[in-house]
């Protein structure tokens, strides 16, 4: 919400206890997706 214009990619990251934040999945406005190997 808010100034939502011009958003391209959206995605999810996660952080487990004691671990670095890592990419889970992303998706562009055109529908291209990318996933971490673990998921």
ModelCIF file with pLDDT and N, C-alpha, C, O atoms, coordinates in Angstrom:
data_MODEL
#
_entry.id   MODEL 
#
_entity.id                         1 
_entity.type                       polymer 
_entity.pdbx_number_of_molecules   1 
#
_entity_poly.entity_id                      1 
_entity_poly.type                           'polypeptide(L)' 
_entity_poly.nstd_linkage                   no 
_entity_poly.nstd_monomer                   no 
_entity_poly.pdbx_seq_one_letter_code       
;(UNK)(UNK)(UNK)(UNK)(UNK)(UNK)(UNK)(UNK)(UNK)(UNK)(UNK)(UNK)(UNK)(UNK)(UNK)(UNK)
(UNK)(UNK)(UNK)(UNK)(UNK)(UNK)(UNK)(UNK)(UNK)(UNK)(UNK)(UNK)(UNK)(UNK)(UNK)(UNK)
(UNK)(UNK)(UNK)(UNK)(UNK)(UNK)(UNK)
;
_entity_poly.pdbx_seq_one_letter_code_can   XXXXXXXXXXXXXXXXXXXXXXXXXXXXXXXXXXXXXXX 
_entity_poly.pdbx_strand_id                 A 
#
loop_
_entity_poly_seq.entity_id 
_entity_poly_seq.num 
_entity_poly_seq.mon_id 
_entity_poly_seq.hetero 
1 1  UNK n 
1 2  UNK n 
1 3  UNK n 
1 4  UNK n 
1 5  UNK n 
1 6  UNK n 
1 7  UNK n 
1 8  UNK n 
1 9  UNK n 
1 10 UNK n 
1 11 UNK n 
1 12 UNK n 
1 13 UNK n 
1 14 UNK n 
1 15 UNK n 
1 16 UNK n 
1 17 UNK n 
1 18 UNK n 
1 19 UNK n 
1 20 UNK n 
1 21 UNK n 
1 22 UNK n 
1 23 UNK n 
1 24 UNK n 
1 25 UNK n 
1 26 UNK n 
1 27 UNK n 
1 28 UNK n 
1 29 UNK n 
1 30 UNK n 
1 31 UNK n 
1 32 UNK n 
1 33 UNK n 
1 34 UNK n 
1 35 UNK n 
1 36 UNK n 
1 37 UNK n 
1 38 UNK n 
1 39 UNK n 
#
_struct_asym.id          A 
_struct_asym.entity_id   1 
#
loop_
_ma_qa_metric.id 
_ma_qa_metric.mode 
_ma_qa_metric.name 
_ma_qa_metric.software_group_id 
_ma_qa_metric.type 
1 global pLDDT . pLDDT 
2 local  pLDDT . pLDDT 
#
_ma_qa_metric_global.metric_id      1 
_ma_qa_metric_global.metric_value   95.69 
_ma_qa_metric_global.model_id       1 
_ma_qa_metric_global.ordinal_id     1 
#
loop_
_ma_qa_metric_local.label_asym_id 
_ma_qa_metric_local.label_comp_id 
_ma_qa_metric_local.label_seq_id 
_ma_qa_metric_local.metric_id 
_ma_qa_metric_local.metric_value 
_ma_qa_metric_local.model_id 
_ma_qa_metric_local.ordinal_id 
A UNK 1  2 96.00 1 1  
A UNK 2  2 96.00 1 2  
A UNK 3  2 94.00 1 3  
A UNK 4  2 93.00 1 4  
A UNK 5  2 92.00 1 5  
A UNK 6  2 92.00 1 6  
A UNK 7  2 93.00 1 7  
A UNK 8  2 93.00 1 8  
A UNK 9  2 95.00 1 9  
A UNK 10 2 96.00 1 10 
A UNK 11 2 97.00 1 11 
A UNK 12 2 98.00 1 12 
A UNK 13 2 98.00 1 13 
A UNK 14 2 98.00 1 14 
A UNK 15 2 98.00 1 15 
A UNK 16 2 97.00 1 16 
A UNK 17 2 90.00 1 17 
A UNK 18 2 93.00 1 18 
A UNK 19 2 96.00 1 19 
A UNK 20 2 97.00 1 20 
A UNK 21 2 97.00 1 21 
A UNK 22 2 97.00 1 22 
A UNK 23 2 97.00 1 23 
A UNK 24 2 98.00 1 24 
A UNK 25 2 98.00 1 25 
A UNK 26 2 98.00 1 26 
A UNK 27 2 97.00 1 27 
A UNK 28 2 94.00 1 28 
A UNK 29 2 90.00 1 29 
A UNK 30 2 90.00 1 30 
A UNK 31 2 93.00 1 31 
A UNK 32 2 96.00 1 32 
A UNK 33 2 98.00 1 33 
A UNK 34 2 98.00 1 34 
A UNK 35 2 98.00 1 35 
A UNK 36 2 98.00 1 36 
A UNK 37 2 98.00 1 37 
A UNK 38 2 97.00 1 38 
A UNK 39 2 98.00 1 39 
#
loop_
_atom_site.group_PDB 
_atom_site.id 
_atom_site.type_symbol 
_atom_site.label_atom_id 
_atom_site.label_alt_id 
_atom_site.label_comp_id 
_atom_site.label_asym_id 
_atom_site.label_entity_id 
_atom_site.label_seq_id 
_atom_site.pdbx_PDB_ins_code 
_atom_site.Cartn_x 
_atom_site.Cartn_y 
_atom_site.Cartn_z 
_atom_site.occupancy 
_atom_site.B_iso_or_equiv 
_atom_site.pdbx_formal_charge 
_atom_site.auth_seq_id 
_atom_site.auth_comp_id 
_atom_site.auth_asym_id 
_atom_site.auth_atom_id 
_atom_site.pdbx_PDB_model_num 
ATOM 1   N N  . UNK A 1 1  ? 0.842  -1.187  0.000   1.00 96.00 ? 1  UNK A N  1 
ATOM 2   C CA . UNK A 1 1  ? 0.000  0.000   0.000   1.00 96.00 ? 1  UNK A CA 1 
ATOM 3   C C  . UNK A 1 1  ? 0.880  1.241   0.000   1.00 96.00 ? 1  UNK A C  1 
ATOM 4   O O  . UNK A 1 1  ? 2.095  1.155   0.178   1.00 96.00 ? 1  UNK A O  1 
ATOM 5   N N  . UNK A 1 2  ? 0.255  2.391   -0.201  1.00 96.00 ? 2  UNK A N  1 
ATOM 6   C CA . UNK A 1 2  ? 0.994  3.641   -0.280  1.00 96.00 ? 2  UNK A CA 1 
ATOM 7   C C  . UNK A 1 2  ? 1.339  3.967   -1.718  1.00 96.00 ? 2  UNK A C  1 
ATOM 8   O O  . UNK A 1 2  ? 0.494  3.866   -2.608  1.00 96.00 ? 2  UNK A O  1 
ATOM 9   N N  . UNK A 1 3  ? 2.580  4.357   -1.941  1.00 94.00 ? 3  UNK A N  1 
ATOM 10  C CA . UNK A 1 3  ? 3.053  4.715   -3.274  1.00 94.00 ? 3  UNK A CA 1 
ATOM 11  C C  . UNK A 1 3  ? 3.440  3.453   -4.034  1.00 94.00 ? 3  UNK A C  1 
ATOM 12  O O  . UNK A 1 3  ? 4.621  3.130   -4.160  1.00 94.00 ? 3  UNK A O  1 
ATOM 13  N N  . UNK A 1 4  ? 2.443  2.749   -4.534  1.00 93.00 ? 4  UNK A N  1 
ATOM 14  C CA . UNK A 1 4  ? 2.655  1.419   -5.113  1.00 93.00 ? 4  UNK A CA 1 
ATOM 15  C C  . UNK A 1 4  ? 3.006  1.448   -6.592  1.00 93.00 ? 4  UNK A C  1 
ATOM 16  O O  . UNK A 1 4  ? 3.270  0.394   -7.171  1.00 93.00 ? 4  UNK A O  1 
ATOM 17  N N  . UNK A 1 5  ? 3.019  2.609   -7.220  1.00 92.00 ? 5  UNK A N  1 
ATOM 18  C CA . UNK A 1 5  ? 3.358  2.680   -8.633  1.00 92.00 ? 5  UNK A CA 1 
ATOM 19  C C  . UNK A 1 5  ? 4.814  2.304   -8.858  1.00 92.00 ? 5  UNK A C  1 
ATOM 20  O O  . UNK A 1 5  ? 5.665  2.489   -7.988  1.00 92.00 ? 5  UNK A O  1 
ATOM 21  N N  . UNK A 1 6  ? 5.079  1.769   -10.047 1.00 92.00 ? 6  UNK A N  1 
ATOM 22  C CA . UNK A 1 6  ? 6.433  1.440   -10.495 1.00 92.00 ? 6  UNK A CA 1 
ATOM 23  C C  . UNK A 1 6  ? 7.096  0.310   -9.708  1.00 92.00 ? 6  UNK A C  1 
ATOM 24  O O  . UNK A 1 6  ? 8.324  0.224   -9.670  1.00 92.00 ? 6  UNK A O  1 
ATOM 25  N N  . UNK A 1 7  ? 6.310  -0.543  -9.090  1.00 93.00 ? 7  UNK A N  1 
ATOM 26  C CA . UNK A 1 7  ? 6.870  -1.732  -8.454  1.00 93.00 ? 7  UNK A CA 1 
ATOM 27  C C  . UNK A 1 7  ? 7.125  -2.776  -9.525  1.00 93.00 ? 7  UNK A C  1 
ATOM 28  O O  . UNK A 1 7  ? 6.235  -3.108  -10.308 1.00 93.00 ? 7  UNK A O  1 
ATOM 29  N N  . UNK A 1 8  ? 8.338  -3.286  -9.554  1.00 93.00 ? 8  UNK A N  1 
ATOM 30  C CA . UNK A 1 8  ? 8.694  -4.328  -10.505 1.00 93.00 ? 8  UNK A CA 1 
ATOM 31  C C  . UNK A 1 8  ? 8.662  -5.693  -9.823  1.00 93.00 ? 8  UNK A C  1 
ATOM 32  O O  . UNK A 1 8  ? 7.657  -6.402  -9.881  1.00 93.00 ? 8  UNK A O  1 
ATOM 33  N N  . UNK A 1 9  ? 9.755  -6.048  -9.185  1.00 95.00 ? 9  UNK A N  1 
ATOM 34  C CA . UNK A 1 9  ? 9.838  -7.359  -8.560  1.00 95.00 ? 9  UNK A CA 1 
ATOM 35  C C  . UNK A 1 9  ? 9.272  -7.338  -7.145  1.00 95.00 ? 9  UNK A C  1 
ATOM 36  O O  . UNK A 1 9  ? 9.394  -6.345  -6.428  1.00 95.00 ? 9  UNK A O  1 
ATOM 37  N N  . UNK A 1 10 ? 8.658  -8.438  -6.759  1.00 96.00 ? 10 UNK A N  1 
ATOM 38  C CA . UNK A 1 10 ? 8.262  -8.683  -5.391  1.00 96.00 ? 10 UNK A CA 1 
ATOM 39  C C  . UNK A 1 10 ? 8.749  -10.072 -5.016  1.00 96.00 ? 10 UNK A C  1 
ATOM 40  O O  . UNK A 1 10 ? 8.943  -10.926 -5.881  1.00 96.00 ? 10 UNK A O  1 
ATOM 41  N N  . UNK A 1 11 ? 8.942  -10.291 -3.743  1.00 97.00 ? 11 UNK A N  1 
ATOM 42  C CA . UNK A 1 11 ? 9.450  -11.588 -3.357  1.00 97.00 ? 11 UNK A CA 1 
ATOM 43  C C  . UNK A 1 11 ? 9.402  -11.841 -1.872  1.00 97.00 ? 11 UNK A C  1 
ATOM 44  O O  . UNK A 1 11 ? 8.905  -11.034 -1.085  1.00 97.00 ? 11 UNK A O  1 
ATOM 45  N N  . UNK A 1 12 ? 9.938  -12.990 -1.519  1.00 98.00 ? 12 UNK A N  1 
ATOM 46  C CA . UNK A 1 12 ? 9.978  -13.438 -0.139  1.00 98.00 ? 12 UNK A CA 1 
ATOM 47  C C  . UNK A 1 12 ? 11.398 -13.827 0.248   1.00 98.00 ? 12 UNK A C  1 
ATOM 48  O O  . UNK A 1 12 ? 12.102 -14.490 -0.514  1.00 98.00 ? 12 UNK A O  1 
ATOM 49  N N  . UNK A 1 13 ? 11.803 -13.412 1.427   1.00 98.00 ? 13 UNK A N  1 
ATOM 50  C CA . UNK A 1 13 ? 13.056 -13.804 2.038   1.00 98.00 ? 13 UNK A CA 1 
ATOM 51  C C  . UNK A 1 13 ? 12.742 -14.400 3.399   1.00 98.00 ? 13 UNK A C  1 
ATOM 52  O O  . UNK A 1 13 ? 11.657 -14.188 3.941   1.00 98.00 ? 13 UNK A O  1 
ATOM 53  N N  . UNK A 1 14 ? 13.687 -15.142 3.947   1.00 98.00 ? 14 UNK A N  1 
ATOM 54  C CA . UNK A 1 14 ? 13.473 -15.697 5.274   1.00 98.00 ? 14 UNK A CA 1 
ATOM 55  C C  . UNK A 1 14 ? 14.765 -15.675 6.069   1.00 98.00 ? 14 UNK A C  1 
ATOM 56  O O  . UNK A 1 14 ? 15.861 -15.667 5.508   1.00 98.00 ? 14 UNK A O  1 
ATOM 57  N N  . UNK A 1 15 ? 14.617 -15.665 7.384   1.00 98.00 ? 15 UNK A N  1 
ATOM 58  C CA . UNK A 1 15 ? 15.758 -15.674 8.277   1.00 98.00 ? 15 UNK A CA 1 
ATOM 59  C C  . UNK A 1 15 ? 15.480 -16.607 9.439   1.00 98.00 ? 15 UNK A C  1 
ATOM 60  O O  . UNK A 1 15 ? 14.569 -16.377 10.235  1.00 98.00 ? 15 UNK A O  1 
ATOM 61  N N  . UNK A 1 16 ? 16.273 -17.658 9.526   1.00 97.00 ? 16 UNK A N  1 
ATOM 62  C CA . UNK A 1 16 ? 16.185 -18.605 10.622  1.00 97.00 ? 16 UNK A CA 1 
ATOM 63  C C  . UNK A 1 16 ? 17.085 -18.138 11.760  1.00 97.00 ? 16 UNK A C  1 
ATOM 64  O O  . UNK A 1 16 ? 18.007 -17.355 11.530  1.00 97.00 ? 16 UNK A O  1 
ATOM 65  N N  . UNK A 1 17 ? 16.838 -18.600 12.977  1.00 90.00 ? 17 UNK A N  1 
ATOM 66  C CA . UNK A 1 17 ? 17.674 -18.198 14.110  1.00 90.00 ? 17 UNK A CA 1 
ATOM 67  C C  . UNK A 1 17 ? 19.152 -18.494 13.867  1.00 90.00 ? 17 UNK A C  1 
ATOM 68  O O  . UNK A 1 17 ? 19.515 -19.610 13.497  1.00 90.00 ? 17 UNK A O  1 
ATOM 69  N N  . UNK A 1 18 ? 19.992 -17.500 14.074  1.00 93.00 ? 18 UNK A N  1 
ATOM 70  C CA . UNK A 1 18 ? 21.421 -17.664 13.904  1.00 93.00 ? 18 UNK A CA 1 
ATOM 71  C C  . UNK A 1 18 ? 21.897 -17.713 12.470  1.00 93.00 ? 18 UNK A C  1 
ATOM 72  O O  . UNK A 1 18 ? 23.075 -17.967 12.223  1.00 93.00 ? 18 UNK A O  1 
ATOM 73  N N  . UNK A 1 19 ? 21.013 -17.477 11.523  1.00 96.00 ? 19 UNK A N  1 
ATOM 74  C CA . UNK A 1 19 ? 21.365 -17.553 10.106  1.00 96.00 ? 19 UNK A CA 1 
ATOM 75  C C  . UNK A 1 19 ? 21.179 -16.205 9.420   1.00 96.00 ? 19 UNK A C  1 
ATOM 76  O O  . UNK A 1 19 ? 20.490 -15.321 9.928   1.00 96.00 ? 19 UNK A O  1 
ATOM 77  N N  . UNK A 1 20 ? 21.805 -16.068 8.261   1.00 97.00 ? 20 UNK A N  1 
ATOM 78  C CA . UNK A 1 20 ? 21.635 -14.875 7.442   1.00 97.00 ? 20 UNK A CA 1 
ATOM 79  C C  . UNK A 1 20 ? 20.291 -14.918 6.719   1.00 97.00 ? 20 UNK A C  1 
ATOM 80  O O  . UNK A 1 20 ? 19.754 -15.991 6.446   1.00 97.00 ? 20 UNK A O  1 
ATOM 81  N N  . UNK A 1 21 ? 19.764 -13.751 6.419   1.00 97.00 ? 21 UNK A N  1 
ATOM 82  C CA . UNK A 1 21 ? 18.544 -13.685 5.632   1.00 97.00 ? 21 UNK A CA 1 
ATOM 83  C C  . UNK A 1 21 ? 18.833 -14.196 4.223   1.00 97.00 ? 21 UNK A C  1 
ATOM 84  O O  . UNK A 1 21 ? 19.841 -13.828 3.621   1.00 97.00 ? 21 UNK A O  1 
ATOM 85  N N  . UNK A 1 22 ? 17.955 -15.038 3.702   1.00 97.00 ? 22 UNK A N  1 
ATOM 86  C CA . UNK A 1 22 ? 18.168 -15.640 2.400   1.00 97.00 ? 22 UNK A CA 1 
ATOM 87  C C  . UNK A 1 22 ? 16.944 -15.486 1.518   1.00 97.00 ? 22 UNK A C  1 
ATOM 88  O O  . UNK A 1 22 ? 15.815 -15.383 1.998   1.00 97.00 ? 22 UNK A O  1 
ATOM 89  N N  . UNK A 1 23 ? 17.194 -15.473 0.224   1.00 97.00 ? 23 UNK A N  1 
ATOM 90  C CA . UNK A 1 23 ? 16.115 -15.393 -0.748  1.00 97.00 ? 23 UNK A CA 1 
ATOM 91  C C  . UNK A 1 23 ? 15.347 -16.703 -0.785  1.00 97.00 ? 23 UNK A C  1 
ATOM 92  O O  . UNK A 1 23 ? 15.936 -17.783 -0.754  1.00 97.00 ? 23 UNK A O  1 
ATOM 93  N N  . UNK A 1 24 ? 14.028 -16.598 -0.851  1.00 98.00 ? 24 UNK A N  1 
ATOM 94  C CA . UNK A 1 24 ? 13.163 -17.758 -1.007  1.00 98.00 ? 24 UNK A CA 1 
ATOM 95  C C  . UNK A 1 24 ? 12.621 -17.818 -2.428  1.00 98.00 ? 24 UNK A C  1 
ATOM 96  O O  . UNK A 1 24 ? 12.786 -18.825 -3.117  1.00 98.00 ? 24 UNK A O  1 
ATOM 97  N N  . UNK A 1 25 ? 11.975 -16.743 -2.868  1.00 98.00 ? 25 UNK A N  1 
ATOM 98  C CA . UNK A 1 25 ? 11.396 -16.699 -4.202  1.00 98.00 ? 25 UNK A CA 1 
ATOM 99  C C  . UNK A 1 25 ? 11.125 -15.260 -4.596  1.00 98.00 ? 25 UNK A C  1 
ATOM 100 O O  . UNK A 1 25 ? 10.851 -14.416 -3.743  1.00 98.00 ? 25 UNK A O  1 
ATOM 101 N N  . UNK A 1 26 ? 11.200 -14.982 -5.886  1.00 98.00 ? 26 UNK A N  1 
ATOM 102 C CA . UNK A 1 26 ? 10.874 -13.665 -6.415  1.00 98.00 ? 26 UNK A CA 1 
ATOM 103 C C  . UNK A 1 26 ? 10.014 -13.814 -7.654  1.00 98.00 ? 26 UNK A C  1 
ATOM 104 O O  . UNK A 1 26 ? 10.007 -14.858 -8.306  1.00 98.00 ? 26 UNK A O  1 
ATOM 105 N N  . UNK A 1 27 ? 9.287  -12.748 -7.968  1.00 97.00 ? 27 UNK A N  1 
ATOM 106 C CA . UNK A 1 27 ? 8.465  -12.717 -9.173  1.00 97.00 ? 27 UNK A CA 1 
ATOM 107 C C  . UNK A 1 27 ? 8.437  -11.288 -9.690  1.00 97.00 ? 27 UNK A C  1 
ATOM 108 O O  . UNK A 1 27 ? 8.229  -10.349 -8.922  1.00 97.00 ? 27 UNK A O  1 
ATOM 109 N N  . UNK A 1 28 ? 8.647  -11.124 -10.991 1.00 94.00 ? 28 UNK A N  1 
ATOM 110 C CA . UNK A 1 28 ? 8.622  -9.807  -11.598 1.00 94.00 ? 28 UNK A CA 1 
ATOM 111 C C  . UNK A 1 28 ? 7.210  -9.452  -12.031 1.00 94.00 ? 28 UNK A C  1 
ATOM 112 O O  . UNK A 1 28 ? 6.310  -10.292 -12.014 1.00 94.00 ? 28 UNK A O  1 
ATOM 113 N N  . UNK A 1 29 ? 7.030  -8.200  -12.418 1.00 90.00 ? 29 UNK A N  1 
ATOM 114 C CA . UNK A 1 29 ? 5.722  -7.768  -12.900 1.00 90.00 ? 29 UNK A CA 1 
ATOM 115 C C  . UNK A 1 29 ? 5.311  -8.522  -14.151 1.00 90.00 ? 29 UNK A C  1 
ATOM 116 O O  . UNK A 1 29 ? 4.120  -8.656  -14.433 1.00 90.00 ? 29 UNK A O  1 
ATOM 117 N N  . UNK A 1 30 ? 6.289  -9.017  -14.906 1.00 90.00 ? 30 UNK A N  1 
ATOM 118 C CA . UNK A 1 30 ? 6.009  -9.794  -16.100 1.00 90.00 ? 30 UNK A CA 1 
ATOM 119 C C  . UNK A 1 30 ? 5.760  -11.261 -15.848 1.00 90.00 ? 30 UNK A C  1 
ATOM 120 O O  . UNK A 1 30 ? 5.412  -11.996 -16.773 1.00 90.00 ? 30 UNK A O  1 
ATOM 121 N N  . UNK A 1 31 ? 5.932  -11.708 -14.601 1.00 93.00 ? 31 UNK A N  1 
ATOM 122 C CA . UNK A 1 31 ? 5.632  -13.083 -14.257 1.00 93.00 ? 31 UNK A CA 1 
ATOM 123 C C  . UNK A 1 31 ? 6.820  -14.020 -14.182 1.00 93.00 ? 31 UNK A C  1 
ATOM 124 O O  . UNK A 1 31 ? 6.639  -15.210 -13.923 1.00 93.00 ? 31 UNK A O  1 
ATOM 125 N N  . UNK A 1 32 ? 8.023  -13.529 -14.397 1.00 96.00 ? 32 UNK A N  1 
ATOM 126 C CA . UNK A 1 32 ? 9.206  -14.377 -14.280 1.00 96.00 ? 32 UNK A CA 1 
ATOM 127 C C  . UNK A 1 32 ? 9.477  -14.691 -12.818 1.00 96.00 ? 32 UNK A C  1 
ATOM 128 O O  . UNK A 1 32 ? 9.432  -13.800 -11.970 1.00 96.00 ? 32 UNK A O  1 
ATOM 129 N N  . UNK A 1 33 ? 9.758  -15.953 -12.518 1.00 98.00 ? 33 UNK A N  1 
ATOM 130 C CA . UNK A 1 33 ? 9.960  -16.385 -11.137 1.00 98.00 ? 33 UNK A CA 1 
ATOM 131 C C  . UNK A 1 33 ? 11.352 -16.943 -10.929 1.00 98.00 ? 33 UNK A C  1 
ATOM 132 O O  . UNK A 1 33 ? 12.014 -17.391 -11.866 1.00 98.00 ? 33 UNK A O  1 
ATOM 133 N N  . UNK A 1 34 ? 11.778 -16.907 -9.683  1.00 98.00 ? 34 UNK A N  1 
ATOM 134 C CA . UNK A 1 34 ? 13.060 -17.460 -9.284  1.00 98.00 ? 34 UNK A CA 1 
ATOM 135 C C  . UNK A 1 34 ? 12.896 -18.045 -7.887  1.00 98.00 ? 34 UNK A C  1 
ATOM 136 O O  . UNK A 1 34 ? 12.277 -17.431 -7.019  1.00 98.00 ? 34 UNK A O  1 
ATOM 137 N N  . UNK A 1 35 ? 13.457 -19.245 -7.673  1.00 98.00 ? 35 UNK A N  1 
ATOM 138 C CA . UNK A 1 35 ? 13.320 -19.931 -6.397  1.00 98.00 ? 35 UNK A CA 1 
ATOM 139 C C  . UNK A 1 35 ? 14.669 -20.378 -5.870  1.00 98.00 ? 35 UNK A C  1 
ATOM 140 O O  . UNK A 1 35 ? 15.571 -20.717 -6.636  1.00 98.00 ? 35 UNK A O  1 
ATOM 141 N N  . UNK A 1 36 ? 14.796 -20.376 -4.557  1.00 98.00 ? 36 UNK A N  1 
ATOM 142 C CA . UNK A 1 36 ? 15.943 -21.015 -3.938  1.00 98.00 ? 36 UNK A CA 1 
ATOM 143 C C  . UNK A 1 36 ? 15.868 -22.518 -4.182  1.00 98.00 ? 36 UNK A C  1 
ATOM 144 O O  . UNK A 1 36 ? 14.780 -23.091 -4.236  1.00 98.00 ? 36 UNK A O  1 
ATOM 145 N N  . UNK A 1 37 ? 17.027 -23.150 -4.329  1.00 98.00 ? 37 UNK A N  1 
ATOM 146 C CA . UNK A 1 37 ? 17.052 -24.586 -4.590  1.00 98.00 ? 37 UNK A CA 1 
ATOM 147 C C  . UNK A 1 37 ? 16.340 -25.381 -3.497  1.00 98.00 ? 37 UNK A C  1 
ATOM 148 O O  . UNK A 1 37 ? 15.736 -26.416 -3.777  1.00 98.00 ? 37 UNK A O  1 
ATOM 149 N N  . UNK A 1 38 ? 16.409 -24.907 -2.272  1.00 97.00 ? 38 UNK A N  1 
ATOM 150 C CA . UNK A 1 38 ? 15.843 -25.638 -1.149  1.00 97.00 ? 38 UNK A CA 1 
ATOM 151 C C  . UNK A 1 38 ? 14.316 -25.693 -1.155  1.00 97.00 ? 38 UNK A C  1 
ATOM 152 O O  . UNK A 1 38 ? 13.729 -26.515 -0.452  1.00 97.00 ? 38 UNK A O  1 
ATOM 153 N N  . UNK A 1 39 ? 13.667 -24.832 -1.937  1.00 98.00 ? 39 UNK A N  1 
ATOM 154 C CA . UNK A 1 39 ? 12.206 -24.797 -1.942  1.00 98.00 ? 39 UNK A CA 1 
ATOM 155 C C  . UNK A 1 39 ? 11.605 -25.151 -3.291  1.00 98.00 ? 39 UNK A C  1 
ATOM 156 O O  . UNK A 1 39 ? 10.383 -25.161 -3.439  1.00 98.00 ? 39 UNK A O  1 
#
